[in-house]
N, C-alpha and C. Protein backbone atom coordinates (compact mmCIF):
# COMPACT_ATOMS: atom_id res chain seq x y z
N MET A 1 0.85 -1.20 0.00
CA MET A 1 0.00 0.00 0.00
C MET A 1 0.88 1.25 0.00
N PRO A 2 0.64 2.23 -0.89
CA PRO A 2 1.47 3.43 -0.93
C PRO A 2 1.46 4.18 0.40
N ARG A 3 2.59 4.72 0.76
CA ARG A 3 2.70 5.48 2.00
C ARG A 3 2.23 6.92 1.77
N THR A 4 1.66 7.50 2.81
CA THR A 4 1.25 8.90 2.75
C THR A 4 1.78 9.64 3.97
N ALA A 5 1.86 10.96 3.84
CA ALA A 5 2.37 11.82 4.90
C ALA A 5 1.43 13.00 5.09
N ALA A 6 1.65 13.71 6.16
CA ALA A 6 0.78 14.84 6.49
C ALA A 6 1.00 16.01 5.53
N ARG A 7 -0.09 16.68 5.24
CA ARG A 7 -0.04 17.96 4.52
C ARG A 7 -0.40 19.07 5.50
N TYR A 8 0.38 20.13 5.49
CA TYR A 8 0.08 21.33 6.26
C TYR A 8 -0.31 22.42 5.25
N LEU A 9 -1.57 22.79 5.30
CA LEU A 9 -2.10 23.78 4.37
C LEU A 9 -2.20 25.13 5.07
N TYR A 10 -1.46 26.10 4.56
CA TYR A 10 -1.48 27.47 5.09
C TYR A 10 -2.38 28.29 4.17
N LEU A 11 -3.37 28.93 4.73
CA LEU A 11 -4.33 29.72 3.96
C LEU A 11 -4.22 31.18 4.37
N ALA A 12 -4.14 32.05 3.39
CA ALA A 12 -4.12 33.49 3.66
C ALA A 12 -5.07 34.18 2.69
N ARG A 13 -5.91 35.05 3.22
CA ARG A 13 -6.66 35.93 2.34
C ARG A 13 -5.71 36.99 1.81
N HIS A 14 -5.90 37.41 0.59
CA HIS A 14 -5.06 38.47 0.02
C HIS A 14 -5.01 39.68 0.94
N ALA A 15 -3.98 40.48 0.80
CA ALA A 15 -3.84 41.70 1.59
C ALA A 15 -4.84 42.76 1.13
N GLU A 16 -4.90 43.85 1.87
CA GLU A 16 -5.89 44.90 1.59
C GLU A 16 -5.77 45.43 0.17
N ALA A 17 -6.88 45.47 -0.53
CA ALA A 17 -6.91 45.90 -1.93
C ALA A 17 -7.40 47.34 -2.05
N THR A 18 -7.06 47.97 -3.17
CA THR A 18 -7.58 49.29 -3.49
C THR A 18 -9.08 49.19 -3.75
N PRO A 19 -9.81 50.32 -3.70
CA PRO A 19 -11.26 50.26 -3.91
C PRO A 19 -11.67 49.60 -5.22
N ASP A 20 -10.88 49.76 -6.28
CA ASP A 20 -11.24 49.13 -7.56
C ASP A 20 -10.68 47.72 -7.69
N GLU A 21 -10.00 47.24 -6.65
CA GLU A 21 -9.47 45.87 -6.58
C GLU A 21 -8.44 45.57 -7.67
N SER A 22 -7.80 46.62 -8.20
CA SER A 22 -6.80 46.42 -9.25
C SER A 22 -5.42 46.12 -8.67
N GLY A 23 -5.27 46.21 -7.38
CA GLY A 23 -3.98 45.97 -6.74
C GLY A 23 -4.11 46.17 -5.24
N LEU A 24 -2.98 46.32 -4.58
CA LEU A 24 -2.96 46.45 -3.13
C LEU A 24 -2.75 47.91 -2.72
N THR A 25 -3.30 48.25 -1.58
CA THR A 25 -3.00 49.54 -0.98
C THR A 25 -1.59 49.52 -0.38
N GLU A 26 -1.12 50.67 0.05
CA GLU A 26 0.18 50.70 0.73
C GLU A 26 0.14 49.82 1.98
N ALA A 27 -0.98 49.90 2.73
CA ALA A 27 -1.12 49.05 3.92
C ALA A 27 -1.14 47.57 3.52
N GLY A 28 -1.79 47.26 2.41
CA GLY A 28 -1.84 45.88 1.94
C GLY A 28 -0.47 45.36 1.56
N ARG A 29 0.34 46.18 0.93
CA ARG A 29 1.70 45.74 0.59
C ARG A 29 2.50 45.44 1.85
N ARG A 30 2.32 46.27 2.86
CA ARG A 30 3.02 46.02 4.12
C ARG A 30 2.51 44.74 4.78
N GLN A 31 1.21 44.52 4.74
CA GLN A 31 0.65 43.29 5.28
C GLN A 31 1.27 42.06 4.60
N ALA A 32 1.38 42.10 3.29
CA ALA A 32 1.91 40.96 2.55
C ALA A 32 3.37 40.69 2.91
N VAL A 33 4.16 41.75 3.02
CA VAL A 33 5.56 41.58 3.41
C VAL A 33 5.67 40.94 4.80
N LEU A 34 4.86 41.42 5.73
CA LEU A 34 4.91 40.87 7.09
C LEU A 34 4.45 39.42 7.13
N LEU A 35 3.47 39.07 6.31
CA LEU A 35 3.06 37.68 6.23
C LEU A 35 4.21 36.82 5.71
N GLY A 36 4.89 37.29 4.68
CA GLY A 36 6.03 36.55 4.17
C GLY A 36 7.12 36.39 5.21
N GLU A 37 7.39 37.44 5.98
CA GLU A 37 8.41 37.35 7.03
C GLU A 37 8.02 36.31 8.07
N ARG A 38 6.75 36.25 8.40
CA ARG A 38 6.31 35.24 9.38
C ARG A 38 6.56 33.83 8.86
N LEU A 39 6.42 33.62 7.57
CA LEU A 39 6.51 32.28 7.00
C LEU A 39 7.93 31.88 6.61
N ARG A 40 8.91 32.70 6.90
CA ARG A 40 10.28 32.39 6.48
C ARG A 40 10.79 31.06 7.02
N GLY A 41 10.40 30.71 8.22
CA GLY A 41 10.90 29.46 8.81
C GLY A 41 10.11 28.23 8.42
N VAL A 42 9.09 28.39 7.60
CA VAL A 42 8.24 27.25 7.20
C VAL A 42 8.81 26.63 5.93
N PRO A 43 8.98 25.31 5.88
CA PRO A 43 9.55 24.67 4.67
C PRO A 43 8.50 24.55 3.56
N LEU A 44 8.06 25.67 3.03
CA LEU A 44 7.01 25.67 2.03
C LEU A 44 7.51 25.06 0.71
N ALA A 45 6.68 24.16 0.15
CA ALA A 45 7.00 23.58 -1.15
C ALA A 45 6.53 24.47 -2.28
N ALA A 46 5.48 25.27 -2.04
CA ALA A 46 4.93 26.13 -3.09
C ALA A 46 4.02 27.18 -2.46
N VAL A 47 3.86 28.28 -3.18
CA VAL A 47 2.85 29.29 -2.87
C VAL A 47 1.88 29.30 -4.04
N HIS A 48 0.66 28.85 -3.80
CA HIS A 48 -0.39 28.89 -4.80
C HIS A 48 -1.18 30.18 -4.62
N HIS A 49 -1.68 30.73 -5.70
CA HIS A 49 -2.47 31.96 -5.58
C HIS A 49 -3.52 32.02 -6.66
N GLY A 50 -4.58 32.73 -6.40
CA GLY A 50 -5.62 32.96 -7.39
C GLY A 50 -5.14 33.90 -8.49
N PRO A 51 -5.87 33.98 -9.59
CA PRO A 51 -5.43 34.76 -10.75
C PRO A 51 -5.69 36.27 -10.64
N LEU A 52 -6.52 36.72 -9.70
CA LEU A 52 -6.83 38.14 -9.62
C LEU A 52 -5.64 38.92 -9.06
N ALA A 53 -5.57 40.20 -9.43
CA ALA A 53 -4.39 41.01 -9.12
C ALA A 53 -4.11 41.07 -7.63
N ARG A 54 -5.13 41.22 -6.82
CA ARG A 54 -4.88 41.36 -5.38
C ARG A 54 -4.28 40.10 -4.76
N ALA A 55 -4.65 38.93 -5.28
CA ALA A 55 -4.05 37.69 -4.79
C ALA A 55 -2.65 37.49 -5.38
N GLU A 56 -2.50 37.78 -6.66
CA GLU A 56 -1.19 37.60 -7.30
C GLU A 56 -0.15 38.52 -6.68
N GLN A 57 -0.52 39.79 -6.44
CA GLN A 57 0.45 40.73 -5.86
C GLN A 57 0.78 40.35 -4.42
N THR A 58 -0.20 39.88 -3.66
CA THR A 58 0.07 39.42 -2.30
C THR A 58 1.06 38.26 -2.33
N ALA A 59 0.80 37.27 -3.19
CA ALA A 59 1.68 36.10 -3.27
C ALA A 59 3.10 36.50 -3.68
N ARG A 60 3.20 37.44 -4.62
CA ARG A 60 4.53 37.85 -5.07
C ARG A 60 5.31 38.51 -3.94
N LEU A 61 4.66 39.38 -3.16
CA LEU A 61 5.35 40.03 -2.06
C LEU A 61 5.69 39.04 -0.95
N VAL A 62 4.81 38.09 -0.70
CA VAL A 62 5.13 37.02 0.25
C VAL A 62 6.35 36.25 -0.25
N GLY A 63 6.31 35.87 -1.53
CA GLY A 63 7.39 35.07 -2.10
C GLY A 63 8.74 35.77 -2.06
N GLU A 64 8.73 37.09 -2.15
CA GLU A 64 10.00 37.83 -2.09
C GLU A 64 10.67 37.72 -0.73
N GLN A 65 9.92 37.35 0.30
CA GLN A 65 10.49 37.19 1.64
C GLN A 65 10.99 35.76 1.88
N LEU A 66 10.73 34.87 0.95
CA LEU A 66 11.08 33.47 1.11
C LEU A 66 12.28 33.14 0.23
N ASP A 67 12.77 31.93 0.35
CA ASP A 67 14.01 31.56 -0.33
C ASP A 67 13.70 30.61 -1.49
N GLY A 68 13.33 31.20 -2.63
CA GLY A 68 13.17 30.42 -3.84
C GLY A 68 11.95 29.52 -3.88
N VAL A 69 10.93 29.82 -3.09
CA VAL A 69 9.70 29.01 -3.13
C VAL A 69 8.93 29.37 -4.40
N PRO A 70 8.54 28.38 -5.20
CA PRO A 70 7.86 28.70 -6.46
C PRO A 70 6.45 29.23 -6.24
N LEU A 71 6.05 30.17 -7.10
CA LEU A 71 4.69 30.70 -7.11
C LEU A 71 3.91 30.03 -8.23
N ARG A 72 2.68 29.60 -7.93
CA ARG A 72 1.88 28.89 -8.92
C ARG A 72 0.47 29.47 -8.94
N CYS A 73 0.07 29.96 -10.08
CA CYS A 73 -1.28 30.51 -10.24
C CYS A 73 -2.28 29.37 -10.43
N SER A 74 -3.41 29.47 -9.74
CA SER A 74 -4.42 28.41 -9.80
C SER A 74 -5.82 29.02 -9.84
N GLU A 75 -6.60 28.64 -10.84
CA GLU A 75 -8.00 29.08 -10.89
C GLU A 75 -8.76 28.60 -9.66
N ALA A 76 -8.40 27.43 -9.15
CA ALA A 76 -9.09 26.88 -7.98
C ALA A 76 -8.86 27.72 -6.74
N ALA A 77 -7.83 28.55 -6.73
CA ALA A 77 -7.55 29.44 -5.60
C ALA A 77 -8.17 30.82 -5.81
N GLY A 78 -9.06 30.95 -6.76
CA GLY A 78 -9.63 32.25 -7.10
C GLY A 78 -10.81 32.64 -6.23
N ASP A 79 -11.52 33.67 -6.70
CA ASP A 79 -12.63 34.27 -5.95
C ASP A 79 -13.95 33.82 -6.58
N TYR A 80 -14.70 32.99 -5.88
CA TYR A 80 -15.95 32.46 -6.41
C TYR A 80 -16.81 31.94 -5.26
N VAL A 81 -18.09 31.76 -5.53
CA VAL A 81 -19.01 31.18 -4.56
C VAL A 81 -18.90 29.66 -4.67
N PRO A 82 -18.43 28.97 -3.63
CA PRO A 82 -18.17 27.55 -3.75
C PRO A 82 -19.43 26.69 -3.75
N TYR A 83 -20.49 27.20 -3.16
CA TYR A 83 -21.71 26.39 -3.05
C TYR A 83 -22.89 27.32 -2.79
N THR A 84 -23.96 27.12 -3.54
CA THR A 84 -25.19 27.90 -3.36
C THR A 84 -26.25 27.00 -2.73
N PRO A 85 -26.63 27.25 -1.50
CA PRO A 85 -27.58 26.36 -0.84
C PRO A 85 -29.01 26.63 -1.26
N ALA A 86 -29.83 25.60 -1.11
CA ALA A 86 -31.27 25.76 -1.25
C ALA A 86 -31.82 26.38 0.03
N PRO A 87 -32.94 27.10 -0.04
CA PRO A 87 -33.48 27.75 1.17
C PRO A 87 -33.70 26.79 2.34
N GLU A 88 -34.11 25.57 2.05
CA GLU A 88 -34.41 24.64 3.14
C GLU A 88 -33.17 24.13 3.87
N GLU A 89 -31.99 24.35 3.29
CA GLU A 89 -30.76 23.96 3.96
C GLU A 89 -30.35 24.94 5.06
N LEU A 90 -30.88 26.13 5.02
CA LEU A 90 -30.39 27.21 5.88
C LEU A 90 -31.22 27.30 7.15
N PRO A 91 -30.61 27.78 8.25
CA PRO A 91 -31.38 28.02 9.47
C PRO A 91 -32.47 29.05 9.20
N PRO A 92 -33.70 28.81 9.61
CA PRO A 92 -34.79 29.74 9.28
C PRO A 92 -34.51 31.18 9.69
N GLU A 93 -33.84 31.37 10.83
CA GLU A 93 -33.63 32.73 11.32
C GLU A 93 -32.60 33.49 10.48
N ALA A 94 -31.78 32.77 9.70
CA ALA A 94 -30.73 33.43 8.91
C ALA A 94 -30.96 33.32 7.42
N ALA A 95 -31.94 32.55 7.00
CA ALA A 95 -32.09 32.24 5.57
C ALA A 95 -32.28 33.49 4.72
N ASP A 96 -33.11 34.41 5.15
CA ASP A 96 -33.40 35.59 4.32
C ASP A 96 -32.14 36.42 4.09
N VAL A 97 -31.35 36.62 5.13
CA VAL A 97 -30.13 37.42 5.01
C VAL A 97 -29.13 36.73 4.10
N LEU A 98 -28.93 35.44 4.28
CA LEU A 98 -27.95 34.71 3.48
C LEU A 98 -28.36 34.64 2.02
N LEU A 99 -29.63 34.40 1.76
CA LEU A 99 -30.10 34.32 0.38
C LEU A 99 -30.05 35.69 -0.31
N ALA A 100 -30.32 36.75 0.45
CA ALA A 100 -30.23 38.09 -0.12
C ALA A 100 -28.79 38.41 -0.52
N PHE A 101 -27.85 37.96 0.29
CA PHE A 101 -26.44 38.15 -0.06
C PHE A 101 -26.11 37.41 -1.36
N LEU A 102 -26.54 36.17 -1.48
CA LEU A 102 -26.23 35.38 -2.67
C LEU A 102 -26.88 35.95 -3.92
N GLU A 103 -28.01 36.61 -3.78
CA GLU A 103 -28.67 37.19 -4.94
C GLU A 103 -27.84 38.30 -5.58
N ARG A 104 -26.94 38.89 -4.81
CA ARG A 104 -26.10 39.97 -5.34
C ARG A 104 -24.88 39.44 -6.10
N VAL A 105 -24.64 38.15 -6.01
CA VAL A 105 -23.48 37.55 -6.68
C VAL A 105 -23.83 37.25 -8.13
N PRO A 106 -22.97 37.61 -9.09
CA PRO A 106 -23.27 37.33 -10.50
C PRO A 106 -23.52 35.85 -10.75
N ALA A 107 -24.46 35.57 -11.65
CA ALA A 107 -24.85 34.19 -11.93
C ALA A 107 -23.66 33.37 -12.42
N GLU A 108 -22.80 33.95 -13.23
CA GLU A 108 -21.64 33.21 -13.75
C GLU A 108 -20.75 32.72 -12.62
N GLU A 109 -20.55 33.57 -11.61
CA GLU A 109 -19.70 33.19 -10.48
C GLU A 109 -20.31 32.02 -9.72
N LYS A 110 -21.62 32.04 -9.55
CA LYS A 110 -22.28 30.94 -8.85
C LYS A 110 -22.26 29.65 -9.67
N GLU A 111 -22.32 29.78 -10.98
CA GLU A 111 -22.35 28.59 -11.84
C GLU A 111 -20.99 27.89 -11.89
N ARG A 112 -19.92 28.66 -11.97
CA ARG A 112 -18.60 28.03 -12.07
C ARG A 112 -18.02 27.66 -10.72
N GLY A 113 -18.60 28.19 -9.64
CA GLY A 113 -18.03 27.99 -8.31
C GLY A 113 -17.93 26.55 -7.86
N PRO A 114 -18.99 25.73 -7.97
CA PRO A 114 -18.90 24.36 -7.45
C PRO A 114 -17.77 23.54 -8.09
N GLY A 115 -17.56 23.69 -9.39
CA GLY A 115 -16.47 22.96 -10.03
C GLY A 115 -15.11 23.38 -9.52
N LEU A 116 -14.93 24.69 -9.34
CA LEU A 116 -13.66 25.18 -8.81
C LEU A 116 -13.48 24.77 -7.35
N ALA A 117 -14.57 24.76 -6.58
CA ALA A 117 -14.48 24.34 -5.18
C ALA A 117 -14.08 22.88 -5.07
N ALA A 118 -14.61 22.04 -5.95
CA ALA A 118 -14.22 20.63 -5.96
C ALA A 118 -12.75 20.49 -6.34
N ALA A 119 -12.31 21.31 -7.31
CA ALA A 119 -10.90 21.27 -7.71
C ALA A 119 -9.99 21.72 -6.58
N ALA A 120 -10.42 22.70 -5.79
CA ALA A 120 -9.62 23.15 -4.66
C ALA A 120 -9.48 22.05 -3.61
N LEU A 121 -10.57 21.36 -3.33
CA LEU A 121 -10.48 20.25 -2.38
C LEU A 121 -9.53 19.17 -2.88
N ALA A 122 -9.59 18.87 -4.17
CA ALA A 122 -8.72 17.83 -4.73
C ALA A 122 -7.25 18.26 -4.72
N ALA A 123 -7.00 19.54 -5.00
CA ALA A 123 -5.62 20.01 -5.15
C ALA A 123 -4.94 20.33 -3.83
N PHE A 124 -5.69 20.84 -2.86
CA PHE A 124 -5.06 21.44 -1.69
C PHE A 124 -5.29 20.70 -0.38
N THR A 125 -6.12 19.68 -0.34
CA THR A 125 -6.45 19.05 0.94
C THR A 125 -6.07 17.57 0.94
N GLY A 126 -6.04 17.00 2.13
CA GLY A 126 -5.76 15.58 2.30
C GLY A 126 -4.27 15.30 2.43
N PRO A 127 -3.93 14.11 2.97
CA PRO A 127 -2.52 13.71 3.05
C PRO A 127 -1.88 13.66 1.67
N VAL A 128 -0.55 13.62 1.64
CA VAL A 128 0.20 13.61 0.39
C VAL A 128 0.92 12.27 0.23
N ASP A 129 1.22 11.92 -1.00
CA ASP A 129 1.95 10.69 -1.27
C ASP A 129 3.39 10.80 -0.77
N GLY A 130 3.93 9.69 -0.29
CA GLY A 130 5.33 9.66 0.13
C GLY A 130 5.51 9.67 1.62
N ASP A 131 6.75 9.86 2.04
CA ASP A 131 7.11 9.80 3.46
C ASP A 131 7.31 11.18 4.09
N GLU A 132 7.39 12.22 3.27
CA GLU A 132 7.74 13.54 3.78
C GLU A 132 6.51 14.43 3.89
N PRO A 133 6.30 15.07 5.05
CA PRO A 133 5.21 16.05 5.15
C PRO A 133 5.40 17.18 4.15
N ARG A 134 4.29 17.74 3.69
CA ARG A 134 4.35 18.84 2.73
C ARG A 134 3.67 20.07 3.32
N HIS A 135 4.33 21.22 3.16
CA HIS A 135 3.79 22.50 3.61
C HIS A 135 3.53 23.36 2.37
N GLU A 136 2.30 23.86 2.23
CA GLU A 136 1.94 24.68 1.08
C GLU A 136 1.12 25.88 1.54
N LEU A 137 1.32 27.00 0.89
CA LEU A 137 0.54 28.21 1.14
C LEU A 137 -0.39 28.47 -0.02
N VAL A 138 -1.64 28.79 0.28
CA VAL A 138 -2.60 29.23 -0.74
C VAL A 138 -3.03 30.65 -0.40
N VAL A 139 -2.70 31.59 -1.27
CA VAL A 139 -3.13 32.98 -1.12
C VAL A 139 -4.41 33.12 -1.94
N THR A 140 -5.52 33.37 -1.26
CA THR A 140 -6.81 33.27 -1.91
C THR A 140 -7.75 34.36 -1.43
N HIS A 141 -9.03 34.04 -1.34
CA HIS A 141 -10.06 35.01 -1.01
C HIS A 141 -10.93 34.47 0.13
N ASN A 142 -11.74 35.34 0.66
CA ASN A 142 -12.52 35.01 1.86
C ASN A 142 -13.37 33.75 1.68
N PHE A 143 -14.04 33.62 0.53
CA PHE A 143 -14.98 32.51 0.36
C PHE A 143 -14.27 31.16 0.37
N LEU A 144 -13.11 31.06 -0.28
CA LEU A 144 -12.43 29.76 -0.33
C LEU A 144 -11.87 29.39 1.04
N VAL A 145 -11.37 30.36 1.79
CA VAL A 145 -10.93 30.03 3.16
C VAL A 145 -12.10 29.43 3.94
N GLY A 146 -13.25 30.07 3.86
CA GLY A 146 -14.42 29.55 4.56
C GLY A 146 -14.80 28.15 4.09
N TRP A 147 -14.72 27.91 2.78
CA TRP A 147 -15.06 26.61 2.22
C TRP A 147 -14.12 25.51 2.73
N LEU A 148 -12.83 25.79 2.76
CA LEU A 148 -11.87 24.77 3.18
C LEU A 148 -11.92 24.53 4.69
N VAL A 149 -12.15 25.58 5.47
CA VAL A 149 -12.32 25.39 6.91
C VAL A 149 -13.59 24.58 7.17
N ARG A 150 -14.67 24.92 6.48
CA ARG A 150 -15.91 24.17 6.62
C ARG A 150 -15.71 22.69 6.33
N ALA A 151 -14.99 22.41 5.24
CA ALA A 151 -14.74 21.02 4.87
C ALA A 151 -13.90 20.30 5.92
N ALA A 152 -12.90 20.99 6.46
CA ALA A 152 -12.04 20.37 7.47
C ALA A 152 -12.83 20.00 8.72
N LEU A 153 -13.84 20.79 9.05
CA LEU A 153 -14.65 20.54 10.22
C LEU A 153 -15.88 19.68 9.92
N ASP A 154 -16.01 19.24 8.67
CA ASP A 154 -17.14 18.41 8.25
C ASP A 154 -18.48 19.08 8.55
N ALA A 155 -18.52 20.39 8.34
CA ALA A 155 -19.74 21.17 8.56
C ALA A 155 -20.60 21.12 7.29
N PRO A 156 -21.88 21.47 7.38
CA PRO A 156 -22.74 21.49 6.19
C PRO A 156 -22.15 22.38 5.10
N ARG A 157 -22.46 22.05 3.85
CA ARG A 157 -21.84 22.76 2.73
C ARG A 157 -22.14 24.26 2.71
N TRP A 158 -23.30 24.65 3.21
CA TRP A 158 -23.63 26.08 3.20
C TRP A 158 -22.79 26.87 4.21
N ARG A 159 -22.11 26.16 5.13
CA ARG A 159 -21.49 26.85 6.27
C ARG A 159 -20.19 27.55 5.93
N TRP A 160 -19.81 27.56 4.63
CA TRP A 160 -18.72 28.45 4.25
C TRP A 160 -19.11 29.90 4.47
N MET A 161 -20.40 30.17 4.47
CA MET A 161 -20.90 31.52 4.70
C MET A 161 -20.76 31.87 6.18
N GLY A 162 -20.30 33.07 6.45
CA GLY A 162 -20.13 33.51 7.82
C GLY A 162 -18.80 33.14 8.44
N VAL A 163 -17.94 32.45 7.69
CA VAL A 163 -16.59 32.15 8.17
C VAL A 163 -15.67 33.22 7.57
N ASP A 164 -15.53 34.32 8.26
CA ASP A 164 -14.84 35.48 7.70
C ASP A 164 -13.35 35.47 8.04
N HIS A 165 -12.56 36.05 7.16
CA HIS A 165 -11.11 36.03 7.30
C HIS A 165 -10.57 37.42 6.99
N ALA A 166 -9.67 37.90 7.82
CA ALA A 166 -9.08 39.22 7.64
C ALA A 166 -7.99 39.19 6.57
N ASN A 167 -7.72 40.33 5.97
CA ASN A 167 -6.65 40.43 4.99
C ASN A 167 -5.31 40.02 5.60
N ALA A 168 -4.59 39.14 4.91
CA ALA A 168 -3.23 38.73 5.27
C ALA A 168 -3.14 38.01 6.60
N ALA A 169 -4.27 37.60 7.16
CA ALA A 169 -4.24 36.73 8.34
C ALA A 169 -3.95 35.30 7.89
N LEU A 170 -3.68 34.44 8.85
CA LEU A 170 -3.19 33.10 8.54
C LEU A 170 -4.07 32.03 9.20
N THR A 171 -4.43 31.03 8.41
CA THR A 171 -5.11 29.83 8.89
C THR A 171 -4.26 28.63 8.48
N VAL A 172 -4.15 27.64 9.37
CA VAL A 172 -3.37 26.44 9.07
C VAL A 172 -4.21 25.21 9.37
N ILE A 173 -4.30 24.31 8.40
CA ILE A 173 -5.02 23.05 8.55
C ILE A 173 -4.04 21.90 8.32
N ARG A 174 -4.08 20.91 9.22
CA ARG A 174 -3.23 19.72 9.09
C ARG A 174 -4.08 18.53 8.66
N TYR A 175 -3.62 17.86 7.60
CA TYR A 175 -4.26 16.65 7.10
C TYR A 175 -3.30 15.49 7.31
N ALA A 176 -3.53 14.69 8.35
CA ALA A 176 -2.64 13.59 8.68
C ALA A 176 -3.27 12.26 8.28
N PRO A 177 -2.48 11.31 7.82
CA PRO A 177 -3.05 10.01 7.46
C PRO A 177 -3.79 9.37 8.64
N GLY A 178 -4.98 8.86 8.37
CA GLY A 178 -5.72 8.13 9.38
C GLY A 178 -6.34 8.98 10.47
N ARG A 179 -6.37 10.29 10.29
CA ARG A 179 -6.94 11.20 11.28
C ARG A 179 -7.83 12.23 10.60
N PRO A 180 -8.81 12.75 11.33
CA PRO A 180 -9.57 13.86 10.73
C PRO A 180 -8.69 15.10 10.63
N PRO A 181 -9.02 16.01 9.72
CA PRO A 181 -8.24 17.25 9.63
C PRO A 181 -8.27 18.03 10.94
N SER A 182 -7.19 18.77 11.19
CA SER A 182 -7.10 19.61 12.39
C SER A 182 -6.89 21.06 11.97
N VAL A 183 -7.73 21.95 12.45
CA VAL A 183 -7.54 23.38 12.22
C VAL A 183 -6.62 23.88 13.33
N LEU A 184 -5.35 24.10 12.99
CA LEU A 184 -4.34 24.47 13.98
C LEU A 184 -4.38 25.95 14.31
N LEU A 185 -4.65 26.77 13.32
CA LEU A 185 -4.77 28.22 13.50
C LEU A 185 -5.94 28.69 12.65
N PHE A 186 -6.60 29.75 13.11
CA PHE A 186 -7.63 30.35 12.27
C PHE A 186 -7.57 31.86 12.40
N ASN A 187 -7.46 32.55 11.27
CA ASN A 187 -7.53 34.01 11.21
C ASN A 187 -6.52 34.66 12.15
N ASP A 188 -5.33 34.11 12.20
CA ASP A 188 -4.28 34.58 13.11
C ASP A 188 -3.55 35.76 12.46
N SER A 189 -3.60 36.91 13.12
CA SER A 189 -2.93 38.11 12.60
C SER A 189 -1.81 38.58 13.52
N GLY A 190 -1.22 37.65 14.27
CA GLY A 190 -0.18 38.02 15.23
C GLY A 190 1.05 38.64 14.59
N HIS A 191 1.25 38.44 13.28
CA HIS A 191 2.40 39.01 12.59
C HIS A 191 2.15 40.45 12.15
N LEU A 192 0.93 40.95 12.35
CA LEU A 192 0.57 42.30 11.91
C LEU A 192 0.47 43.24 13.11
N PRO A 193 0.97 44.46 12.99
CA PRO A 193 0.73 45.44 14.06
C PRO A 193 -0.75 45.80 14.12
N ALA A 194 -1.15 46.37 15.24
CA ALA A 194 -2.57 46.64 15.47
C ALA A 194 -3.21 47.46 14.34
N ALA A 195 -2.48 48.41 13.79
CA ALA A 195 -3.05 49.28 12.76
C ALA A 195 -3.34 48.54 11.45
N LEU A 196 -2.74 47.37 11.25
CA LEU A 196 -2.93 46.63 10.01
C LEU A 196 -3.83 45.41 10.18
N ARG A 197 -4.37 45.21 11.37
CA ARG A 197 -5.24 44.05 11.60
C ARG A 197 -6.69 44.38 11.26
N TRP A 198 -7.45 43.34 10.97
CA TRP A 198 -8.89 43.38 10.81
C TRP A 198 -9.34 44.12 9.54
N THR A 199 -8.45 44.47 8.65
CA THR A 199 -8.94 45.04 7.39
C THR A 199 -9.67 43.94 6.61
N GLY A 200 -10.67 44.35 5.88
CA GLY A 200 -11.52 43.40 5.18
C GLY A 200 -12.71 42.95 6.00
N PHE A 201 -12.80 43.40 7.24
CA PHE A 201 -13.91 43.07 8.14
C PHE A 201 -14.75 44.31 8.40
N PRO A 202 -16.05 44.16 8.55
CA PRO A 202 -16.85 45.30 9.02
C PRO A 202 -16.48 45.62 10.47
N PRO A 203 -16.56 46.87 10.87
CA PRO A 203 -16.11 47.26 12.22
C PRO A 203 -16.74 46.48 13.35
N GLU A 204 -17.99 46.06 13.20
CA GLU A 204 -18.64 45.37 14.32
C GLU A 204 -18.07 43.99 14.59
N LEU A 205 -17.23 43.47 13.67
CA LEU A 205 -16.62 42.17 13.87
C LEU A 205 -15.21 42.26 14.40
N HIS A 206 -14.68 43.46 14.59
CA HIS A 206 -13.32 43.60 15.14
C HIS A 206 -13.35 43.23 16.62
N VAL A 207 -12.38 42.40 17.02
CA VAL A 207 -12.28 42.00 18.42
C VAL A 207 -10.85 42.17 18.90
């Protein structure tokens, strides 16, 4: 039987973007550099990133702080709705709010999302072949972080909603052979000074 080893998946939402989302703000560039500095001691095999500018620029700045770690663009690491629930799947007290949010999402994004979400699970999760643990970073967007955390916790598919992630914060999931996934860190911004934390969140969620 082939041997497998643990995968350590590091997830980061892109750093703070400009209002038109064409790139990063000055604060966002600093966030990305600090995230890269935090990850210097991690034996990363690759940095995967979504194709949009804010994710690509974040990954590039992170990569500049590392020692020759390859950057790989992936559609599966992009910005999309991973799953659109039916009304009966949702808690009655929250259904109207959640469905109203989804109605604002373009139909194309909702249509292509499930395929990309399945590709992300196949590409980024689960133990790896061989004897050596693998460490990988995915620089992505809020929805995919929520989707992968939801999957790790075996929560209902709709529960990617409401799992919010700050810009350039860090989540780590461990996939070990013969064990359920472990969420080791979630939304950790300890590498950021107070002035750079919680961007990407509405003020009422800052803690």
